[in-house]
N, C-alpha and C. Protein backbone atom coordinates (compact mmCIF):
# COMPACT_ATOMS: atom_id res chain seq x y z
N UNK A 1 0.96 -1.10 0.09
CA UNK A 1 -0.10 -0.19 -0.21
C UNK A 1 0.70 1.52 -0.01
N UNK A 2 0.43 2.65 -0.87
CA UNK A 2 1.20 3.55 -1.27
C UNK A 2 0.98 4.50 0.14
N UNK A 3 1.26 5.18 1.07
CA UNK A 3 0.70 5.86 1.67
C UNK A 3 1.68 7.66 1.26
N UNK A 4 0.78 8.32 0.76
CA UNK A 4 1.03 9.72 0.76
C UNK A 4 0.98 10.36 1.74
N UNK A 5 1.71 11.48 1.78
CA UNK A 5 1.96 12.77 3.00
C UNK A 5 0.82 14.53 2.45
N UNK A 6 -0.45 14.17 3.63
CA UNK A 6 -0.99 15.56 2.49
C UNK A 6 -0.39 16.41 3.41
N UNK A 7 -0.95 17.95 2.46
CA UNK A 7 -0.38 19.09 3.10
C UNK A 7 -0.55 19.46 4.86
N UNK A 8 -1.38 19.14 4.85
CA UNK A 8 -1.97 19.09 6.54
C UNK A 8 -0.86 18.82 7.49
N UNK A 9 -0.13 17.44 7.08
CA UNK A 9 0.35 16.58 7.59
C UNK A 9 2.15 17.50 7.95
N UNK A 10 2.34 17.82 6.53
CA UNK A 10 3.80 18.42 6.43
C UNK A 10 3.67 19.56 7.38
N UNK A 11 3.11 20.60 6.92
CA UNK A 11 2.48 21.71 7.68
C UNK A 11 2.78 21.57 8.96
N UNK A 12 1.93 20.60 9.69
CA UNK A 12 2.16 20.32 11.04
C UNK A 12 3.39 19.88 11.37
N UNK A 13 4.05 19.48 10.76
CA UNK A 13 5.49 18.90 11.26
C UNK A 13 5.99 20.15 10.92
N UNK A 14 5.97 21.01 10.37
CA UNK A 14 7.16 22.37 10.15
C UNK A 14 6.82 23.23 11.36
N UNK A 15 5.68 23.55 11.71
CA UNK A 15 5.27 24.09 12.68
C UNK A 15 5.88 23.43 14.12
N UNK A 16 5.84 22.03 13.96
CA UNK A 16 6.41 21.55 15.07
C UNK A 16 8.13 21.50 15.07
N UNK A 17 8.33 21.69 13.86
CA UNK A 17 9.92 21.53 14.09
C UNK A 17 10.35 23.13 14.01
N UNK A 18 9.45 24.09 13.50
CA UNK A 18 10.23 25.57 13.84
C UNK A 18 10.16 25.70 15.52
N UNK A 19 8.78 25.24 16.00
CA UNK A 19 8.92 25.60 17.62
C UNK A 19 9.81 24.78 18.59
N UNK A 20 10.30 23.86 17.83
CA UNK A 20 11.38 23.24 18.77
C UNK A 20 12.44 24.12 18.38
N UNK A 21 13.00 23.94 16.88
CA UNK A 21 14.63 24.41 16.92
C UNK A 21 14.23 26.66 17.96
N UNK A 22 12.81 27.19 17.64
CA UNK A 22 13.15 28.24 18.73
C UNK A 22 12.93 28.11 19.86
N UNK A 23 12.37 26.30 20.85
CA UNK A 23 13.12 26.26 21.44
C UNK A 23 14.31 26.09 22.08
N UNK A 24 14.67 25.72 21.24
CA UNK A 24 16.39 24.91 21.86
C UNK A 24 17.11 26.44 21.46
N UNK A 25 16.74 27.73 20.84
CA UNK A 25 17.48 29.01 20.22
C UNK A 25 17.46 29.69 21.80
N UNK A 26 16.35 29.64 22.26
CA UNK A 26 15.79 30.81 23.08
C UNK A 26 16.62 30.12 25.11
N UNK A 27 16.28 28.56 24.67
CA UNK A 27 16.68 28.40 25.95
C UNK A 27 18.32 27.68 25.65
N UNK A 28 18.65 27.53 25.36
CA UNK A 28 19.80 26.93 25.42
C UNK A 28 20.94 27.86 24.92
N UNK A 29 20.54 29.14 23.88
CA UNK A 29 21.54 30.51 23.25
C UNK A 29 21.93 29.44 22.33
N UNK A 30 21.53 28.89 21.60
CA UNK A 30 22.47 28.26 20.48
C UNK A 30 21.33 28.36 18.81
N UNK A 31 22.45 29.34 18.11
CA UNK A 31 21.54 30.41 17.36
C UNK A 31 21.60 29.55 15.76
N UNK A 32 21.02 28.91 15.89
CA UNK A 32 20.26 27.43 14.68
C UNK A 32 19.75 28.28 13.06
N UNK A 33 19.75 27.93 12.06
CA UNK A 33 19.25 29.24 11.04
C UNK A 33 18.52 27.74 10.30
N UNK A 34 17.00 28.72 11.16
CA UNK A 34 15.70 28.09 10.98
C UNK A 34 15.40 28.30 9.39
N UNK A 35 15.75 29.22 8.87
CA UNK A 35 15.49 29.72 7.97
C UNK A 35 16.31 28.28 6.88
N UNK A 36 17.31 28.38 6.28
CA UNK A 36 17.87 27.49 6.02
C UNK A 36 17.91 25.62 6.39
N UNK A 37 17.26 25.35 7.54
CA UNK A 37 17.04 24.25 7.94
C UNK A 37 15.46 24.05 6.72
N UNK A 38 14.81 24.44 7.46
CA UNK A 38 13.55 24.44 6.80
C UNK A 38 13.53 24.80 5.13
N UNK A 39 14.44 25.40 4.65
CA UNK A 39 14.18 25.36 3.41
C UNK A 39 14.95 23.95 2.50
N UNK A 40 15.95 23.31 2.98
CA UNK A 40 16.79 22.22 2.99
C UNK A 40 15.96 21.14 3.13
N UNK A 41 14.87 21.18 3.89
CA UNK A 41 14.48 19.85 4.40
C UNK A 41 12.67 20.13 3.34
N UNK A 42 12.52 21.37 2.87
CA UNK A 42 11.35 21.49 2.02
C UNK A 42 12.13 20.83 0.88
N UNK A 43 13.49 20.95 0.08
CA UNK A 43 13.51 19.86 -0.98
C UNK A 43 13.60 18.65 -0.59
N UNK A 44 14.57 18.55 0.37
CA UNK A 44 14.75 16.70 0.36
C UNK A 44 13.20 16.25 0.93
N UNK A 45 12.22 16.96 1.12
CA UNK A 45 10.56 15.81 1.00
C UNK A 45 10.19 15.89 -0.61
N UNK A 46 10.86 17.12 -1.13
CA UNK A 46 10.46 17.62 -2.52
C UNK A 46 10.88 16.52 -3.28
N UNK A 47 12.15 16.05 -2.89
CA UNK A 47 13.07 15.01 -3.57
C UNK A 47 12.75 14.01 -3.49
N UNK A 48 11.98 13.34 -1.98
CA UNK A 48 11.88 12.00 -2.04
C UNK A 48 10.54 11.70 -3.42
N UNK A 49 9.40 12.94 -2.76
CA UNK A 49 8.04 12.79 -3.32
C UNK A 49 8.48 13.02 -4.65
N UNK A 50 8.73 13.40 -5.84
CA UNK A 50 9.55 13.04 -6.75
C UNK A 50 9.37 11.51 -7.22
N UNK A 51 10.66 11.19 -6.23
CA UNK A 51 10.91 9.67 -6.46
C UNK A 51 10.06 8.66 -6.37
N UNK A 52 9.47 9.22 -5.91
CA UNK A 52 7.99 7.91 -5.29
C UNK A 52 6.98 8.60 -6.19
N UNK A 53 7.07 9.23 -6.46
CA UNK A 53 6.25 9.66 -7.80
C UNK A 53 4.58 9.61 -6.93
N UNK A 54 4.82 10.58 -6.13
CA UNK A 54 4.08 10.89 -5.44
C UNK A 54 3.16 12.20 -5.76
N UNK A 55 3.64 13.07 -6.15
CA UNK A 55 3.71 14.19 -6.46
C UNK A 55 1.62 14.55 -7.53
N UNK A 56 1.03 14.96 -6.96
CA UNK A 56 -0.39 15.08 -7.82
C UNK A 56 -0.05 15.43 -9.17
N UNK A 57 -0.83 14.93 -9.69
CA UNK A 57 -1.06 15.14 -10.93
C UNK A 57 -1.66 15.86 -11.61
N UNK A 58 -1.85 16.81 -12.61
CA UNK A 58 -3.15 17.30 -13.57
C UNK A 58 -4.20 15.62 -14.07
N UNK A 59 -5.24 15.97 -13.10
CA UNK A 59 -6.02 15.03 -14.11
C UNK A 59 -5.54 13.25 -13.42
N UNK A 60 -6.45 12.54 -13.13
CA UNK A 60 -6.57 10.82 -12.72
C UNK A 60 -5.24 10.18 -13.59
N UNK A 61 -4.66 9.55 -13.15
CA UNK A 61 -3.37 9.17 -13.30
C UNK A 61 -3.11 7.76 -12.61
N UNK A 62 -2.51 6.97 -13.47
CA UNK A 62 -1.98 5.47 -12.82
C UNK A 62 -0.33 5.60 -13.34
N UNK A 63 0.39 5.38 -12.96
CA UNK A 63 1.77 5.39 -12.17
C UNK A 63 2.67 4.50 -12.05
N UNK A 64 3.64 3.63 -13.17
CA UNK A 64 4.71 3.48 -12.74
C UNK A 64 6.04 3.86 -12.50
N UNK A 65 7.01 4.09 -11.54
CA UNK A 65 8.02 4.52 -11.41
C UNK A 65 9.35 3.55 -10.71
N UNK A 66 10.35 3.83 -10.37
CA UNK A 66 11.33 2.97 -10.58
C UNK A 66 10.93 1.34 -10.25
N UNK A 67 10.42 1.17 -11.16
CA UNK A 67 10.30 -0.18 -10.79
C UNK A 67 9.19 -1.02 -12.75
N UNK A 68 8.89 -2.55 -12.03
CA UNK A 68 7.98 -3.15 -13.13
C UNK A 68 6.29 -2.73 -12.66
N UNK A 69 5.76 -2.47 -13.29
CA UNK A 69 4.43 -2.62 -13.17
C UNK A 69 2.95 -2.56 -14.38
N UNK A 70 2.17 -3.34 -14.12
CA UNK A 70 1.17 -3.98 -14.99
C UNK A 70 0.03 -2.92 -14.71
N UNK A 71 -0.11 -2.20 -15.20
CA UNK A 71 -1.37 -1.21 -15.43
C UNK A 71 -2.73 -1.21 -16.41
N UNK A 72 -4.13 -1.85 -15.28
CA UNK A 72 -5.23 -2.05 -16.09
C UNK A 72 -6.04 -1.11 -16.37
N UNK A 73 -6.66 -1.04 -17.49
CA UNK A 73 -7.49 0.48 -18.10
C UNK A 73 -8.63 0.42 -16.75
N UNK A 74 -9.05 1.40 -16.13
CA UNK A 74 -9.94 1.84 -15.16
C UNK A 74 -10.61 3.21 -15.58
N UNK A 75 -12.10 2.67 -16.18
CA UNK A 75 -12.95 3.65 -16.44
C UNK A 75 -12.59 5.15 -15.80
N UNK A 76 -12.32 6.38 -16.21
CA UNK A 76 -12.05 7.28 -15.57
C UNK A 76 -10.87 7.97 -15.76
N UNK A 77 -9.49 7.10 -15.53
CA UNK A 77 -8.31 6.90 -15.76
C UNK A 77 -7.86 7.49 -16.76
N UNK A 78 -7.42 8.69 -16.68
CA UNK A 78 -7.18 8.98 -18.01
C UNK A 78 -5.45 9.12 -19.13
N UNK A 79 -4.46 8.96 -17.74
CA UNK A 79 -3.23 9.35 -17.71
C UNK A 79 -2.60 8.24 -17.14
N UNK A 80 -1.41 7.42 -18.02
CA UNK A 80 -0.75 6.48 -17.91
C UNK A 80 0.68 6.56 -18.24
N UNK A 81 1.33 6.39 -16.93
CA UNK A 81 2.95 7.12 -17.19
C UNK A 81 3.42 5.87 -16.70
N UNK A 82 5.11 5.94 -16.92
CA UNK A 82 6.31 4.91 -16.46
C UNK A 82 7.18 5.74 -17.13
N UNK A 83 7.48 5.97 -15.66
CA UNK A 83 9.35 6.65 -15.31
C UNK A 83 9.96 5.95 -14.43
N UNK A 84 11.08 5.93 -15.28
CA UNK A 84 12.45 5.29 -15.15
C UNK A 84 12.41 3.57 -14.57
N UNK A 85 11.66 2.39 -15.31
CA UNK A 85 11.10 1.41 -15.04
C UNK A 85 10.02 0.96 -15.88
N UNK A 86 9.13 0.01 -16.21
CA UNK A 86 9.23 -0.94 -17.34
C UNK A 86 7.60 -0.86 -16.71
N UNK A 87 6.43 -0.38 -17.42
CA UNK A 87 5.02 -0.93 -17.90
C UNK A 87 4.63 -1.91 -19.00
N UNK A 88 3.43 -2.50 -18.41
CA UNK A 88 2.11 -3.33 -19.41
C UNK A 88 0.93 -1.90 -19.13
N UNK A 89 0.47 -1.28 -19.76
CA UNK A 89 -1.11 -0.78 -19.98
C UNK A 89 -1.54 -2.04 -21.24
N UNK A 90 -2.64 -2.76 -20.74
CA UNK A 90 -3.34 -3.70 -20.83
C UNK A 90 -4.97 -3.17 -21.23
N UNK A 91 -4.51 -3.39 -22.78
CA UNK A 91 -6.55 -2.83 -23.08
C UNK A 91 -7.09 -4.01 -24.34
N UNK A 92 -6.19 -4.87 -24.28
CA UNK A 92 -7.42 -5.85 -25.12
C UNK A 92 -8.38 -6.55 -25.11
N UNK A 93 -9.13 -6.30 -23.28
CA UNK A 93 -9.94 -6.95 -23.52
C UNK A 93 -11.00 -5.94 -23.25
N UNK A 94 -10.84 -4.52 -23.56
CA UNK A 94 -11.66 -3.41 -23.00
C UNK A 94 -12.73 -3.07 -24.52
N UNK A 95 -13.98 -2.93 -24.12
CA UNK A 95 -14.42 -2.70 -25.36
C UNK A 95 -14.95 -1.37 -25.23
N UNK A 96 -14.84 -0.11 -25.58
CA UNK A 96 -15.08 1.49 -25.00
C UNK A 96 -16.34 1.19 -25.95
N UNK A 97 -17.55 1.61 -24.54
CA UNK A 97 -18.86 2.49 -24.89
C UNK A 97 -19.16 3.84 -25.30
N UNK A 98 -17.96 4.45 -25.68
CA UNK A 98 -18.00 5.49 -25.60
C UNK A 98 -16.40 6.06 -26.48
N UNK A 99 -16.09 6.86 -26.72
CA UNK A 99 -14.94 7.65 -27.39
C UNK A 99 -14.09 7.98 -26.06
N UNK A 100 -12.76 7.04 -25.76
CA UNK A 100 -12.57 6.89 -24.21
C UNK A 100 -10.39 8.10 -25.59
N UNK A 101 -10.52 9.22 -24.50
CA UNK A 101 -9.40 9.60 -24.77
C UNK A 101 -8.52 9.59 -23.47
N UNK A 102 -6.90 8.87 -24.37
CA UNK A 102 -6.28 8.47 -22.89
C UNK A 102 -4.57 8.75 -23.25
N UNK A 103 -3.92 9.46 -22.53
CA UNK A 103 -2.62 9.98 -22.26
C UNK A 103 -1.95 8.77 -22.05
N UNK A 104 -0.52 8.37 -22.28
CA UNK A 104 0.28 7.94 -22.09
C UNK A 104 0.98 7.99 -22.24
N UNK A 105 2.29 8.42 -21.89
CA UNK A 105 3.68 8.51 -20.75
C UNK A 105 4.89 7.92 -20.67
N UNK A 106 5.52 7.93 -21.80
CA UNK A 106 7.04 6.42 -20.83
C UNK A 106 8.57 8.08 -21.46
N UNK A 107 8.71 7.87 -19.59
CA UNK A 107 9.78 8.73 -19.50
C UNK A 107 11.08 7.71 -18.75
N UNK A 108 12.05 7.58 -19.89
CA UNK A 108 13.66 7.31 -19.09
C UNK A 108 13.07 5.61 -19.05
N UNK A 109 12.23 5.00 -20.03
CA UNK A 109 11.80 3.42 -18.99
C UNK A 109 11.32 3.47 -20.67
N UNK A 110 10.70 2.14 -20.79
CA UNK A 110 9.84 1.09 -21.39
C UNK A 110 8.27 0.85 -20.84
N UNK A 111 7.37 0.97 -22.14
CA UNK A 111 6.50 0.70 -22.34
C UNK A 111 5.50 0.23 -23.39
N UNK A 112 4.60 -0.96 -23.09
CA UNK A 112 4.12 -1.38 -23.87
C UNK A 112 2.12 -1.46 -23.68
N UNK A 113 1.70 -1.21 -24.74
CA UNK A 113 -0.03 -0.76 -24.98
C UNK A 113 -0.57 -2.15 -25.37
N UNK A 114 -1.33 -2.91 -25.18
CA UNK A 114 -2.24 -4.07 -25.48
C UNK A 114 -3.29 -3.86 -26.30
N UNK A 115 -3.82 -3.75 -27.48
CA UNK A 115 -4.88 -3.12 -27.62
C UNK A 115 -5.98 -4.13 -28.51
N UNK A 116 -7.14 -4.16 -28.61
CA UNK A 116 -7.50 -5.78 -29.13
C UNK A 116 -7.32 -5.30 -31.05
N UNK A 117 -7.03 -6.46 -31.61
CA UNK A 117 -7.84 -5.63 -32.95
C UNK A 117 -8.72 -5.20 -33.60
N UNK A 118 -10.15 -5.50 -33.23
CA UNK A 118 -11.51 -5.82 -33.37
C UNK A 118 -11.51 -3.85 -32.78
N UNK A 119 -10.72 -3.62 -32.20
CA UNK A 119 -10.64 -2.41 -31.46
C UNK A 119 -10.36 -0.91 -32.59
N UNK A 120 -11.24 0.31 -32.39
CA UNK A 120 -11.28 1.03 -33.33
C UNK A 120 -9.95 2.17 -32.69
N UNK A 121 -9.28 2.88 -32.63
CA UNK A 121 -7.68 3.19 -32.57
C UNK A 121 -7.26 4.35 -32.98
N UNK A 122 -7.18 5.49 -32.21
CA UNK A 122 -6.05 6.92 -33.06
C UNK A 122 -4.89 6.84 -32.35
N UNK A 123 -4.04 6.64 -32.52
CA UNK A 123 -2.17 7.44 -32.38
C UNK A 123 -1.81 8.82 -32.18
N UNK A 124 -2.33 9.35 -31.29
CA UNK A 124 -1.44 10.89 -31.90
C UNK A 124 0.14 11.10 -30.73
N UNK A 125 1.51 10.82 -31.28
CA UNK A 125 2.19 10.40 -30.98
C UNK A 125 3.17 11.50 -31.02
N UNK A 126 4.08 11.79 -30.10
CA UNK A 126 5.89 12.27 -30.43
C UNK A 126 6.80 11.92 -29.29
N UNK A 127 7.92 11.74 -30.16
CA UNK A 127 9.14 11.17 -29.50
C UNK A 127 10.02 11.51 -29.31
N UNK A 128 10.69 12.43 -28.62
CA UNK A 128 12.02 13.08 -28.24
C UNK A 128 13.13 12.13 -27.84
N UNK A 129 14.30 12.46 -28.56
CA UNK A 129 15.56 10.98 -28.14
C UNK A 129 14.77 9.44 -27.88
N UNK A 130 13.64 9.06 -28.60
CA UNK A 130 12.95 8.07 -27.77
C UNK A 130 12.77 7.03 -29.00
N UNK A 131 12.09 5.64 -28.60
CA UNK A 131 11.22 4.87 -29.92
C UNK A 131 9.57 5.17 -29.69
N UNK A 132 8.90 5.19 -30.84
CA UNK A 132 7.93 4.92 -30.21
C UNK A 132 7.22 3.71 -31.25
N UNK A 133 6.66 2.93 -31.25
CA UNK A 133 6.24 1.91 -32.50
C UNK A 133 5.20 1.96 -32.34
N UNK A 134 4.14 1.56 -34.00
CA UNK A 134 2.63 1.81 -33.45
C UNK A 134 2.54 0.14 -33.47
N UNK A 135 1.12 0.08 -34.08
CA UNK A 135 0.67 -1.57 -34.67
C UNK A 135 0.74 -1.32 -36.08
N UNK A 136 0.80 -0.44 -36.82
CA UNK A 136 1.78 -0.57 -38.23
C UNK A 136 2.90 -0.81 -39.02
N UNK A 137 3.33 -0.93 -37.84
CA UNK A 137 4.85 -1.44 -37.87
C UNK A 137 5.85 -0.47 -38.22
N UNK A 138 5.04 1.17 -38.11
CA UNK A 138 6.02 2.20 -38.39
C UNK A 138 6.20 2.69 -36.86
N UNK A 139 7.94 3.21 -37.17
CA UNK A 139 8.16 4.12 -35.48
C UNK A 139 8.78 5.58 -35.78
N UNK A 140 9.28 5.79 -34.85
CA UNK A 140 9.38 7.55 -34.90
C UNK A 140 10.32 7.40 -33.27
N UNK A 141 11.88 7.74 -34.10
CA UNK A 141 12.42 8.31 -32.85
C UNK A 141 12.48 9.47 -32.69
N UNK A 142 12.05 10.62 -33.25
CA UNK A 142 12.33 11.64 -32.96
C UNK A 142 11.48 12.59 -33.79
N UNK A 143 9.95 12.94 -33.49
CA UNK A 143 9.58 14.12 -34.05
C UNK A 143 7.97 13.09 -33.82
N UNK A 144 7.28 13.43 -35.11
CA UNK A 144 5.70 12.61 -34.18
C UNK A 144 5.37 11.46 -35.23
N UNK A 145 4.26 10.65 -34.86
CA UNK A 145 3.85 10.02 -35.00
C UNK A 145 2.46 9.70 -34.97
N UNK A 146 1.58 9.37 -36.49
CA UNK A 146 0.55 9.58 -35.99
C UNK A 146 -0.75 8.20 -36.92
N UNK A 147 -1.54 7.53 -36.29
CA UNK A 147 -2.23 6.10 -36.47
C UNK A 147 -3.84 6.04 -36.83
N UNK A 148 -4.59 5.49 -37.85
CA UNK A 148 -5.81 6.03 -37.50
C UNK A 148 -5.95 4.49 -38.21
N UNK A 149 -6.54 3.34 -37.42
CA UNK A 149 -7.49 2.43 -37.82
C UNK A 149 -8.33 2.67 -38.67
N UNK A 150 -8.39 1.24 -39.65
CA UNK A 150 -9.47 1.10 -40.58
C UNK A 150 -11.22 1.34 -39.26
N UNK A 151 -12.28 2.09 -39.92
CA UNK A 151 -13.26 2.02 -39.65
C UNK A 151 -13.67 2.72 -38.61
N UNK A 152 -12.45 4.07 -38.03
CA UNK A 152 -12.12 4.58 -37.50
C UNK A 152 -13.06 6.22 -37.27
N UNK A 153 -13.68 5.83 -35.67
CA UNK A 153 -14.81 7.42 -36.13
C UNK A 153 -14.71 8.43 -34.84
N UNK A 154 -14.23 9.79 -34.40
CA UNK A 154 -13.99 9.62 -33.62
C UNK A 154 -15.58 10.11 -32.71
N UNK A 155 -16.43 10.43 -33.27
CA UNK A 155 -17.53 10.24 -32.71
C UNK A 155 -18.81 9.23 -32.19
N UNK A 156 -17.29 7.66 -32.85
CA UNK A 156 -17.51 6.37 -32.38
C UNK A 156 -17.10 5.59 -31.29
N UNK A 157 -17.95 4.59 -30.80
CA UNK A 157 -16.90 4.31 -29.54
C UNK A 157 -15.01 3.66 -29.78
N UNK A 158 -14.10 4.07 -28.94
CA UNK A 158 -12.92 3.51 -29.51
C UNK A 158 -11.99 4.15 -28.86
N UNK A 159 -10.21 3.83 -28.84
CA UNK A 159 -9.80 4.55 -28.20
C UNK A 159 -9.05 5.81 -29.21
N UNK A 160 -8.41 7.44 -28.16
CA UNK A 160 -8.00 7.70 -28.88
C UNK A 160 -6.62 7.83 -27.88
N UNK A 161 -5.27 7.82 -28.55
CA UNK A 161 -4.41 7.59 -27.34
C UNK A 161 -3.24 8.71 -28.20
N UNK A 162 -2.94 9.89 -26.72
CA UNK A 162 -2.08 10.24 -26.99
C UNK A 162 -0.91 10.12 -26.89
N UNK A 163 -0.18 9.53 -27.20
CA UNK A 163 1.32 9.02 -26.18
C UNK A 163 2.50 10.06 -27.18
N UNK A 164 3.40 10.14 -25.61
CA UNK A 164 4.62 10.94 -25.68
C UNK A 164 5.43 9.77 -25.48
N UNK A 165 6.60 10.01 -25.72
CA UNK A 165 7.51 9.00 -25.33
C UNK A 165 9.02 10.04 -25.69
N UNK A 166 9.49 10.03 -23.72
CA UNK A 166 11.11 10.80 -23.55
C UNK A 166 12.35 9.68 -23.23
N UNK A 167 13.68 9.79 -23.30
CA UNK A 167 14.32 8.73 -23.93
C UNK A 167 14.00 7.83 -23.16
N UNK A 168 13.10 6.97 -23.86
CA UNK A 168 12.55 5.89 -23.50
C UNK A 168 12.38 4.99 -24.96
N UNK A 169 11.22 3.87 -24.59
CA UNK A 169 11.05 2.96 -25.41
C UNK A 169 9.43 2.82 -25.38
N UNK A 170 8.77 3.15 -26.47
CA UNK A 170 7.13 3.01 -26.48
C UNK A 170 6.95 2.29 -27.28
N UNK A 171 5.61 0.95 -27.25
CA UNK A 171 5.49 0.43 -28.23
C UNK A 171 3.56 -0.13 -27.95
N UNK A 172 3.30 -0.37 -29.28
CA UNK A 172 1.54 -0.25 -28.99
C UNK A 172 1.79 -1.81 -29.93
N UNK A 173 0.73 -2.66 -29.28
CA UNK A 173 0.40 -3.90 -30.41
C UNK A 173 -0.59 -4.32 -30.17
N UNK A 174 -1.48 -4.48 -31.47
CA UNK A 174 -2.83 -5.59 -31.73
C UNK A 174 -2.17 -6.81 -31.10
N UNK A 175 -3.59 -6.91 -30.23
CA UNK A 175 -3.61 -8.78 -30.16
C UNK A 175 -5.01 -8.65 -30.69
């Protein structure tokens, strides 16, 4: 289970820490640079949160950071991200009942996306020093990639994947 730290908890710890430092300063006459310590502690906390992937993201998302993971499609989740690891997004058993737009990102890692060959699919992708492979066996290493399956209509049920890869590999397969 992944525990995330709320803003009120961090603020509470900071207030207690400031109080302790002020008490030490006044009782023992030891001058401690309170601001420098709090600033450093804040940077350390921010760095740990970035490494854990615990920072809040825009929209609802599912992430794999610093490891391997399998991600299943969950209605309502719109962003699937792999950072410094590898992951698989499984869409092969999903039959959308409406147009579904998903953001798929791979940064410094490897990601595979499995889609049913019977599902209408559009891919709008970009690669920056990475490799984006589509179901049509074309790839982009630097630049844009665009794919539309036969029978795709943006008003009918299907997937629209906005794919982005940076210093990694993102492969999209039909199964």
